[in-house]
Amino acid sequence: MKTLNVVSLILVILGGLNWLSVGVFEYDVVSEIFGGTDEVGSKIVYIVVGAAALYSLALFTKVVKDE
């Protein structure tokens, strides 16, 4: 389970960095790699990062409980 937590955290961080580049530089790294936001590869990455964010919501309760 610890591995899943780490992978989820990495994906959420990478997704956040992608949104930072979109906001600051108007450059979407994922769509650039896969050829556009409508491409299947881009959609898969967006879905996986979104699923990691949803999973991270469950981790939030663990973090709050530890303090």
C-alpha atoms as a PDB file:
ATOM      1  CA  MET A   1       0.000   0.000   0.000  1.00  0.00           C
ATOM      2  CA  LYS A   2       2.927   2.333   0.675  1.00  0.00           C
ATOM      3  CA  THR A   3       4.008   2.008  -2.957  1.00  0.00           C
ATOM      4  CA  LEU A   4       0.562   3.071  -4.145  1.00  0.00           C
ATOM      5  CA  ASN A   5       0.711   6.095  -1.840  1.00  0.00           C
ATOM      6  CA  VAL A   6       4.101   7.136  -3.225  1.00  0.00           C
ATOM      7  CA  VAL A   7       3.030   6.644  -6.849  1.00  0.00           C
ATOM      8  CA  SER A   8      -0.141   8.620  -6.198  1.00  0.00           C
ATOM      9  CA  LEU A   9       1.821  11.456  -4.618  1.00  0.00           C
ATOM     10  CA  ILE A  10       4.272  11.564  -7.537  1.00  0.00           C
ATOM     11  CA  LEU A  11       1.419  11.683 -10.066  1.00  0.00           C
ATOM     12  CA  VAL A  12      -0.343  14.469  -8.186  1.00  0.00           C
ATOM     13  CA  ILE A  13       2.899  16.471  -8.016  1.00  0.00           C
ATOM     14  CA  LEU A  14       3.563  15.981 -11.736  1.00  0.00           C
ATOM     15  CA  GLY A  15      -0.016  16.998 -12.521  1.00  0.00           C
ATOM     16  CA  GLY A  16       0.388  20.096 -10.378  1.00  0.00           C
ATOM     17  CA  LEU A  17       3.622  21.001 -12.144  1.00  0.00           C
ATOM     18  CA  ASN A  18       1.875  20.600 -15.494  1.00  0.00           C
ATOM     19  CA  TRP A  19      -0.879  22.983 -14.365  1.00  0.00           C
ATOM     20  CA  LEU A  20       1.791  25.407 -13.148  1.00  0.00           C
ATOM     21  CA  SER A  21       3.348  25.414 -16.613  1.00  0.00           C
ATOM     22  CA  VAL A  22      -0.094  25.962 -18.156  1.00  0.00           C
ATOM     23  CA  GLY A  23      -0.843  28.876 -15.849  1.00  0.00           C
ATOM     24  CA  VAL A  24       2.515  30.605 -16.034  1.00  0.00           C
ATOM     25  CA  PHE A  25       3.756  29.785 -19.529  1.00  0.00           C
ATOM     26  CA  GLU A  26       0.549  28.701 -21.295  1.00  0.00           C
ATOM     27  CA  TYR A  27       2.358  25.463 -22.155  1.00  0.00           C
ATOM     28  CA  ASP A  28       0.712  22.079 -21.551  1.00  0.00           C
ATOM     29  CA  VAL A  29       3.494  19.505 -21.318  1.00  0.00           C
ATOM     30  CA  VAL A  30       1.138  16.508 -21.556  1.00  0.00           C
ATOM     31  CA  SER A  31      -0.631  17.723 -24.683  1.00  0.00           C
ATOM     32  CA  GLU A  32       2.714  18.619 -26.232  1.00  0.00           C
ATOM     33  CA  ILE A  33       4.057  15.106 -25.661  1.00  0.00           C
ATOM     34  CA  PHE A  34       0.947  13.366 -26.995  1.00  0.00           C
ATOM     35  CA  GLY A  35       0.038  15.770 -29.791  1.00  0.00           C
ATOM     36  CA  GLY A  36      -2.929  17.613 -28.295  1.00  0.00           C
ATOM     37  CA  THR A  37      -5.453  17.478 -25.484  1.00  0.00           C
ATOM     38  CA  ASP A  38      -7.898  15.416 -27.535  1.00  0.00           C
ATOM     39  CA  GLU A  39      -5.448  12.571 -28.187  1.00  0.00           C
ATOM     40  CA  VAL A  40      -5.965   9.238 -26.439  1.00  0.00           C
ATOM     41  CA  GLY A  41      -2.565   9.382 -24.690  1.00  0.00           C
ATOM     42  CA  SER A  42      -3.289  12.788 -23.202  1.00  0.00           C
ATOM     43  CA  LYS A  43      -6.705  11.685 -21.988  1.00  0.00           C
ATOM     44  CA  ILE A  44      -5.210   8.596 -20.341  1.00  0.00           C
ATOM     45  CA  VAL A  45      -2.607  10.707 -18.522  1.00  0.00           C
ATOM     46  CA  TYR A  46      -5.260  13.201 -17.384  1.00  0.00           C
ATOM     47  CA  ILE A  47      -7.490  10.372 -16.120  1.00  0.00           C
ATOM     48  CA  VAL A  48      -4.639   8.629 -14.268  1.00  0.00           C
ATOM     49  CA  VAL A  49      -3.536  11.890 -12.614  1.00  0.00           C
ATOM     50  CA  GLY A  50      -7.152  12.665 -11.685  1.00  0.00           C
ATOM     51  CA  ALA A  51      -7.593   9.192 -10.204  1.00  0.00           C
ATOM     52  CA  ALA A  52      -4.382   9.713  -8.203  1.00  0.00           C
ATOM     53  CA  ALA A  53      -5.802  12.983  -6.889  1.00  0.00           C
ATOM     54  CA  LEU A  54      -9.000  11.231  -5.806  1.00  0.00           C
ATOM     55  CA  TYR A  55      -6.959   8.510  -4.108  1.00  0.00           C
ATOM     56  CA  SER A  56      -4.906  11.212  -2.372  1.00  0.00           C
ATOM     57  CA  LEU A  57      -8.077  12.504  -0.745  1.00  0.00           C
ATOM     58  CA  ALA A  58      -8.080   9.288   1.294  1.00  0.00           C
ATOM     59  CA  LEU A  59      -4.476   9.982   2.316  1.00  0.00           C
ATOM     60  CA  PHE A  60      -5.520  13.383   3.610  1.00  0.00           C
ATOM     61  CA  THR A  61      -7.330  11.815   6.555  1.00  0.00           C
ATOM     62  CA  LYS A  62      -4.181   9.880   7.477  1.00  0.00           C
ATOM     63  CA  VAL A  63      -2.081  13.037   7.421  1.00  0.00           C
ATOM     64  CA  VAL A  64      -4.545  14.944   9.585  1.00  0.00           C
ATOM     65  CA  LYS A  65      -4.829  12.030  12.022  1.00  0.00           C
ATOM     66  CA  ASP A  66      -1.028  11.803  12.451  1.00  0.00           C
ATOM     67  CA  GLU A  67      -0.713  15.379  13.716  1.00  0.00           C
END
